């Protein structure tokens, strides 16, 4: 279940970046564009926190994804 949520978060981050790019092309430099980019970066950082292993080689996904 956690892997599915992380996958949806990644898709959401890419959708935010794509939407920000389209908005920038249409309206130029606006506050909405930078807020969308910031939200995408927060999503990517959260996914990285959950998936990057620590010194022992374990990540948070491995500790919570138990059958």
PDB file of N, CA and C in Angstrom:
ATOM      1  N   UNK A   1       0.813  -1.192   0.000  1.00  0.00           N
ATOM      2  CA  UNK A   1       0.000   0.000   0.000  1.00  0.00           C
ATOM      3  C   UNK A   1       0.858   1.259   0.000  1.00  0.00           C
ATOM      4  N   UNK A   2       1.935   1.234   0.769  1.00  0.00           N
ATOM      5  CA  UNK A   2       2.817   2.392   0.835  1.00  0.00           C
ATOM      6  C   UNK A   2       3.459   2.670  -0.519  1.00  0.00           C
ATOM      7  N   UNK A   3       3.821   1.629  -1.238  1.00  0.00           N
ATOM      8  CA  UNK A   3       4.430   1.807  -2.556  1.00  0.00           C
ATOM      9  C   UNK A   3       3.457   2.472  -3.519  1.00  0.00           C
ATOM     10  N   UNK A   4       2.193   2.120  -3.433  1.00  0.00           N
ATOM     11  CA  UNK A   4       1.188   2.738  -4.300  1.00  0.00           C
ATOM     12  C   UNK A   4       1.027   4.221  -3.979  1.00  0.00           C
ATOM     13  N   UNK A   5       1.037   4.547  -2.705  1.00  0.00           N
ATOM     14  CA  UNK A   5       0.905   5.948  -2.299  1.00  0.00           C
ATOM     15  C   UNK A   5       2.113   6.754  -2.768  1.00  0.00           C
ATOM     16  N   UNK A   6       3.314   6.183  -2.645  1.00  0.00           N
ATOM     17  CA  UNK A   6       4.507   6.881  -3.112  1.00  0.00           C
ATOM     18  C   UNK A   6       4.491   7.054  -4.625  1.00  0.00           C
ATOM     19  N   UNK A   7       3.973   6.068  -5.335  1.00  0.00           N
ATOM     20  CA  UNK A   7       3.862   6.180  -6.786  1.00  0.00           C
ATOM     21  C   UNK A   7       2.888   7.287  -7.180  1.00  0.00           C
ATOM     22  N   UNK A   8       1.777   7.364  -6.482  1.00  0.00           N
ATOM     23  CA  UNK A   8       0.804   8.428  -6.759  1.00  0.00           C
ATOM     24  C   UNK A   8       1.396   9.793  -6.428  1.00  0.00           C
ATOM     25  N   UNK A   9       2.197   9.877  -5.374  1.00  0.00           N
ATOM     26  CA  UNK A   9       2.854  11.136  -5.024  1.00  0.00           C
ATOM     27  C   UNK A   9       3.831  11.564  -6.122  1.00  0.00           C
ATOM     28  N   UNK A  10       4.575  10.616  -6.680  1.00  0.00           N
ATOM     29  CA  UNK A  10       5.490  10.941  -7.774  1.00  0.00           C
ATOM     30  C   UNK A  10       4.719  11.427  -9.005  1.00  0.00           C
ATOM     31  N   UNK A  11       3.634  10.738  -9.327  1.00  0.00           N
ATOM     32  CA  UNK A  11       2.820  11.164 -10.466  1.00  0.00           C
ATOM     33  C   UNK A  11       2.237  12.556 -10.215  1.00  0.00           C
ATOM     34  N   UNK A  12       1.817  12.808  -8.997  1.00  0.00           N
ATOM     35  CA  UNK A  12       1.311  14.135  -8.651  1.00  0.00           C
ATOM     36  C   UNK A  12       2.370  15.216  -8.780  1.00  0.00           C
ATOM     37  N   UNK A  13       3.596  14.894  -8.377  1.00  0.00           N
ATOM     38  CA  UNK A  13       4.692  15.853  -8.502  1.00  0.00           C
ATOM     39  C   UNK A  13       5.000  16.174  -9.951  1.00  0.00           C
ATOM     40  N   UNK A  14       5.016  15.144 -10.796  1.00  0.00           N
ATOM     41  CA  UNK A  14       5.262  15.390 -12.215  1.00  0.00           C
ATOM     42  C   UNK A  14       4.101  16.150 -12.853  1.00  0.00           C
ATOM     43  N   UNK A  15       2.876  15.859 -12.420  1.00  0.00           N
ATOM     44  CA  UNK A  15       1.720  16.596 -12.931  1.00  0.00           C
ATOM     45  C   UNK A  15       1.786  18.069 -12.518  1.00  0.00           C
ATOM     46  N   UNK A  16       2.231  18.330 -11.289  1.00  0.00           N
ATOM     47  CA  UNK A  16       2.391  19.714 -10.850  1.00  0.00           C
ATOM     48  C   UNK A  16       3.446  20.440 -11.674  1.00  0.00           C
ATOM     49  N   UNK A  17       4.570  19.774 -11.954  1.00  0.00           N
ATOM     50  CA  UNK A  17       5.604  20.406 -12.772  1.00  0.00           C
ATOM     51  C   UNK A  17       5.117  20.666 -14.192  1.00  0.00           C
ATOM     52  N   UNK A  18       4.386  19.705 -14.746  1.00  0.00           N
ATOM     53  CA  UNK A  18       3.855  19.874 -16.096  1.00  0.00           C
ATOM     54  C   UNK A  18       2.848  21.032 -16.131  1.00  0.00           C
ATOM     55  N   UNK A  19       1.974  21.079 -15.142  1.00  0.00           N
ATOM     56  CA  UNK A  19       0.999  22.161 -15.070  1.00  0.00           C
ATOM     57  C   UNK A  19       1.651  23.514 -14.868  1.00  0.00           C
ATOM     58  N   UNK A  20       2.701  23.562 -14.066  1.00  0.00           N
ATOM     59  CA  UNK A  20       3.421  24.821 -13.859  1.00  0.00           C
ATOM     60  C   UNK A  20       4.075  25.284 -15.151  1.00  0.00           C
ATOM     61  N   UNK A  21       4.637  24.356 -15.897  1.00  0.00           N
ATOM     62  CA  UNK A  21       5.272  24.713 -17.165  1.00  0.00           C
ATOM     63  C   UNK A  21       4.237  25.246 -18.157  1.00  0.00           C
ATOM     64  N   UNK A  22       3.083  24.558 -18.243  1.00  0.00           N
ATOM     65  CA  UNK A  22       2.022  25.007 -19.153  1.00  0.00           C
ATOM     66  C   UNK A  22       1.503  26.388 -18.739  1.00  0.00           C
ATOM     67  N   UNK A  23       1.336  26.621 -17.443  1.00  0.00           N
ATOM     68  CA  UNK A  23       0.865  27.911 -16.952  1.00  0.00           C
ATOM     69  C   UNK A  23       1.890  29.004 -17.227  1.00  0.00           C
ATOM     70  N   UNK A  24       3.171  28.672 -17.100  1.00  0.00           N
ATOM     71  CA  UNK A  24       4.222  29.645 -17.364  1.00  0.00           C
ATOM     72  C   UNK A  24       4.248  30.019 -18.840  1.00  0.00           C
ATOM     73  N   UNK A  25       4.044  29.021 -19.705  1.00  0.00           N
ATOM     74  CA  UNK A  25       4.018  29.293 -21.140  1.00  0.00           C
ATOM     75  C   UNK A  25       2.820  30.176 -21.516  1.00  0.00           C
ATOM     76  N   UNK A  26       1.699  30.014 -20.811  1.00  0.00           N
ATOM     77  CA  UNK A  26       0.485  30.746 -21.149  1.00  0.00           C
ATOM     78  C   UNK A  26       0.461  32.140 -20.537  1.00  0.00           C
ATOM     79  N   UNK A  27       0.788  32.241 -19.249  1.00  0.00           N
ATOM     80  CA  UNK A  27       0.639  33.511 -18.534  1.00  0.00           C
ATOM     81  C   UNK A  27       1.948  34.186 -18.160  1.00  0.00           C
ATOM     82  N   UNK A  28       3.050  33.490 -18.285  1.00  0.00           N
ATOM     83  CA  UNK A  28       4.325  34.069 -17.880  1.00  0.00           C
ATOM     84  C   UNK A  28       4.635  33.789 -16.423  1.00  0.00           C
ATOM     85  N   UNK A  29       5.488  34.600 -15.871  1.00  0.00           N
ATOM     86  CA  UNK A  29       5.980  34.396 -14.515  1.00  0.00           C
ATOM     87  C   UNK A  29       4.925  34.834 -13.503  1.00  0.00           C
ATOM     88  N   UNK A  30       4.279  33.871 -12.867  1.00  0.00           N
ATOM     89  CA  UNK A  30       3.266  34.200 -11.862  1.00  0.00           C
ATOM     90  C   UNK A  30       3.552  33.454 -10.563  1.00  0.00           C
ATOM     91  N   UNK A  31       2.885  33.871  -9.521  1.00  0.00           N
ATOM     92  CA  UNK A  31       3.077  33.256  -8.214  1.00  0.00           C
ATOM     93  C   UNK A  31       2.579  31.815  -8.209  1.00  0.00           C
ATOM     94  N   UNK A  32       1.529  31.531  -8.982  1.00  0.00           N
ATOM     95  CA  UNK A  32       0.982  30.175  -9.030  1.00  0.00           C
ATOM     96  C   UNK A  32       2.017  29.180  -9.550  1.00  0.00           C
ATOM     97  N   UNK A  33       2.801  29.602 -10.524  1.00  0.00           N
ATOM     98  CA  UNK A  33       3.820  28.717 -11.097  1.00  0.00           C
ATOM     99  C   UNK A  33       4.814  28.310 -10.024  1.00  0.00           C
ATOM    100  N   UNK A  34       5.290  29.280  -9.259  1.00  0.00           N
ATOM    101  CA  UNK A  34       6.297  28.984  -8.240  1.00  0.00           C
ATOM    102  C   UNK A  34       5.719  28.176  -7.090  1.00  0.00           C
ATOM    103  N   UNK A  35       4.441  28.397  -6.776  1.00  0.00           N
ATOM    104  CA  UNK A  35       3.804  27.585  -5.740  1.00  0.00           C
ATOM    105  C   UNK A  35       3.644  26.136  -6.196  1.00  0.00           C
ATOM    106  N   UNK A  36       3.335  25.929  -7.464  1.00  0.00           N
ATOM    107  CA  UNK A  36       3.214  24.570  -7.994  1.00  0.00           C
ATOM    108  C   UNK A  36       4.568  23.868  -7.999  1.00  0.00           C
ATOM    109  N   UNK A  37       5.613  24.591  -8.361  1.00  0.00           N
ATOM    110  CA  UNK A  37       6.960  24.009  -8.353  1.00  0.00           C
ATOM    111  C   UNK A  37       7.366  23.672  -6.918  1.00  0.00           C
ATOM    112  N   UNK A  38       7.063  24.549  -5.973  1.00  0.00           N
ATOM    113  CA  UNK A  38       7.396  24.280  -4.576  1.00  0.00           C
ATOM    114  C   UNK A  38       6.636  23.059  -4.056  1.00  0.00           C
ATOM    115  N   UNK A  39       5.365  22.932  -4.422  1.00  0.00           N
ATOM    116  CA  UNK A  39       4.578  21.772  -3.989  1.00  0.00           C
ATOM    117  C   UNK A  39       5.153  20.486  -4.576  1.00  0.00           C
ATOM    118  N   UNK A  40       5.589  20.531  -5.834  1.00  0.00           N
ATOM    119  CA  UNK A  40       6.194  19.352  -6.462  1.00  0.00           C
ATOM    120  C   UNK A  40       7.491  18.978  -5.749  1.00  0.00           C
ATOM    121  N   UNK A  41       8.297  19.963  -5.399  1.00  0.00           N
ATOM    122  CA  UNK A  41       9.547  19.683  -4.696  1.00  0.00           C
ATOM    123  C   UNK A  41       9.291  19.082  -3.316  1.00  0.00           C
ATOM    124  N   UNK A  42       8.244  19.534  -2.647  1.00  0.00           N
ATOM    125  CA  UNK A  42       7.890  18.958  -1.345  1.00  0.00           C
ATOM    126  C   UNK A  42       7.483  17.501  -1.512  1.00  0.00           C
ATOM    127  N   UNK A  43       6.696  17.199  -2.542  1.00  0.00           N
ATOM    128  CA  UNK A  43       6.314  15.806  -2.798  1.00  0.00           C
ATOM    129  C   UNK A  43       7.535  14.941  -3.078  1.00  0.00           C
ATOM    130  N   UNK A  44       8.441  15.432  -3.925  1.00  0.00           N
ATOM    131  CA  UNK A  44       9.645  14.661  -4.239  1.00  0.00           C
ATOM    132  C   UNK A  44      10.515  14.458  -3.005  1.00  0.00           C
ATOM    133  N   UNK A  45      10.618  15.470  -2.154  1.00  0.00           N
ATOM    134  CA  UNK A  45      11.407  15.337  -0.932  1.00  0.00           C
ATOM    135  C   UNK A  45      10.784  14.308   0.012  1.00  0.00           C
ATOM    136  N   UNK A  46       9.461  14.298   0.102  1.00  0.00           N
ATOM    137  CA  UNK A  46       8.794  13.308   0.953  1.00  0.00           C
ATOM    138  C   UNK A  46       9.021  11.895   0.444  1.00  0.00           C
ATOM    139  N   UNK A  47       8.961  11.700  -0.851  1.00  0.00           N
ATOM    140  CA  UNK A  47       9.214  10.373  -1.417  1.00  0.00           C
ATOM    141  C   UNK A  47      10.664   9.972  -1.151  1.00  0.00           C
ATOM    142  N   UNK A  48      11.591  10.923  -1.284  1.00  0.00           N
ATOM    143  CA  UNK A  48      12.993  10.615  -1.019  1.00  0.00           C
ATOM    144  C   UNK A  48      13.218  10.240   0.442  1.00  0.00           C
ATOM    145  N   UNK A  49      12.557  10.931   1.351  1.00  0.00           N
ATOM    146  CA  UNK A  49      12.686  10.611   2.780  1.00  0.00           C
ATOM    147  C   UNK A  49      12.233   9.184   3.039  1.00  0.00           C
ATOM    148  N   UNK A  50      11.170   8.762   2.390  1.00  0.00           N
ATOM    149  CA  UNK A  50      10.626   7.425   2.622  1.00  0.00           C
ATOM    150  C   UNK A  50      11.426   6.335   1.934  1.00  0.00           C
ATOM    151  N   UNK A  51      12.120   6.640   0.826  1.00  0.00           N
ATOM    152  CA  UNK A  51      12.740   5.574   0.040  1.00  0.00           C
ATOM    153  C   UNK A  51      14.258   5.486   0.156  1.00  0.00           C
ATOM    154  N   UNK A  52      14.935   6.563   0.507  1.00  0.00           N
ATOM    155  CA  UNK A  52      16.394   6.535   0.594  1.00  0.00           C
ATOM    156  C   UNK A  52      16.797   5.766   1.854  1.00  0.00           C
ATOM    157  N   UNK A  53      17.659   4.770   1.706  1.00  0.00           N
ATOM    158  CA  UNK A  53      18.039   3.973   2.884  1.00  0.00           C
ATOM    159  C   UNK A  53      18.957   4.742   3.837  1.00  0.00           C
ATOM    160  N   UNK A  54      18.925   4.328   5.099  1.00  0.00           N
ATOM    161  CA  UNK A  54      19.787   4.934   6.104  1.00  0.00           C
ATOM    162  C   UNK A  54      21.142   4.215   6.144  1.00  0.00           C
ATOM    163  N   UNK A  55      21.910   4.431   7.194  1.00  0.00           N
ATOM    164  CA  UNK A  55      23.236   3.826   7.311  1.00  0.00           C
ATOM    165  C   UNK A  55      23.174   2.298   7.393  1.00  0.00           C
ATOM    166  N   UNK A  56      22.085   1.780   7.907  1.00  0.00           N
ATOM    167  CA  UNK A  56      21.926   0.331   8.033  1.00  0.00           C
ATOM    168  C   UNK A  56      21.375  -0.311   6.770  1.00  0.00           C
ATOM    169  N   UNK A  57      21.023   0.501   5.776  1.00  0.00           N
ATOM    170  CA  UNK A  57      20.502  -0.031   4.514  1.00  0.00           C
ATOM    171  C   UNK A  57      19.007  -0.255   4.506  1.00  0.00           C
ATOM    172  N   UNK A  58      18.298   0.286   5.491  1.00  0.00           N
ATOM    173  CA  UNK A  58      16.850   0.113   5.552  1.00  0.00           C
ATOM    174  C   UNK A  58      16.163   1.454   5.307  1.00  0.00           C
ATOM    175  N   UNK A  59      15.062   1.416   4.585  1.00  0.00           N
ATOM    176  CA  UNK A  59      14.281   2.608   4.363  1.00  0.00           C
ATOM    177  C   UNK A  59      12.956   2.506   5.113  1.00  0.00           C
ATOM    178  N   UNK A  60      12.237   3.602   5.193  1.00  0.00           N
ATOM    179  CA  UNK A  60      10.957   3.590   5.883  1.00  0.00           C
ATOM    180  C   UNK A  60       9.931   2.739   5.148  1.00  0.00           C
ATOM    181  N   UNK A  61      10.048   2.640   3.835  1.00  0.00           N
ATOM    182  CA  UNK A  61       9.117   1.808   3.063  1.00  0.00           C
ATOM    183  C   UNK A  61       9.280   0.344   3.441  1.00  0.00           C
ATOM    184  N   UNK A  62      10.513  -0.098   3.589  1.00  0.00           N
ATOM    185  CA  UNK A  62      10.754  -1.502   3.944  1.00  0.00           C
ATOM    186  C   UNK A  62      10.235  -1.831   5.332  1.00  0.00           C
ATOM    187  N   UNK A  63      10.282  -0.869   6.228  1.00  0.00           N
ATOM    188  CA  UNK A  63       9.841  -1.152   7.603  1.00  0.00           C
ATOM    189  C   UNK A  63       8.318  -1.126   7.734  1.00  0.00           C
ATOM    190  N   UNK A  64       7.613  -0.485   6.810  1.00  0.00           N
ATOM    191  CA  UNK A  64       6.150  -0.404   6.910  1.00  0.00           C
ATOM    192  C   UNK A  64       5.429  -1.329   5.927  1.00  0.00           C
ATOM    193  N   UNK A  65       6.086  -1.754   4.857  1.00  0.00           N
ATOM    194  CA  UNK A  65       5.461  -2.630   3.866  1.00  0.00           C
ATOM    195  C   UNK A  65       5.655  -4.094   4.253  1.00  0.00           C
ATOM    196  N   UNK A  66       4.891  -4.561   5.194  1.00  0.00           N
ATOM    197  CA  UNK A  66       4.991  -5.946   5.632  1.00  0.00           C
ATOM    198  C   UNK A  66       3.716  -6.676   5.249  1.00  0.00           C
ATOM    199  N   UNK A  67       3.838  -7.842   4.641  1.00  0.00           N
ATOM    200  CA  UNK A  67       2.628  -8.569   4.219  1.00  0.00           C
ATOM    201  C   UNK A  67       1.816  -9.121   5.366  1.00  0.00           C
TER     202      UNK A  67
END
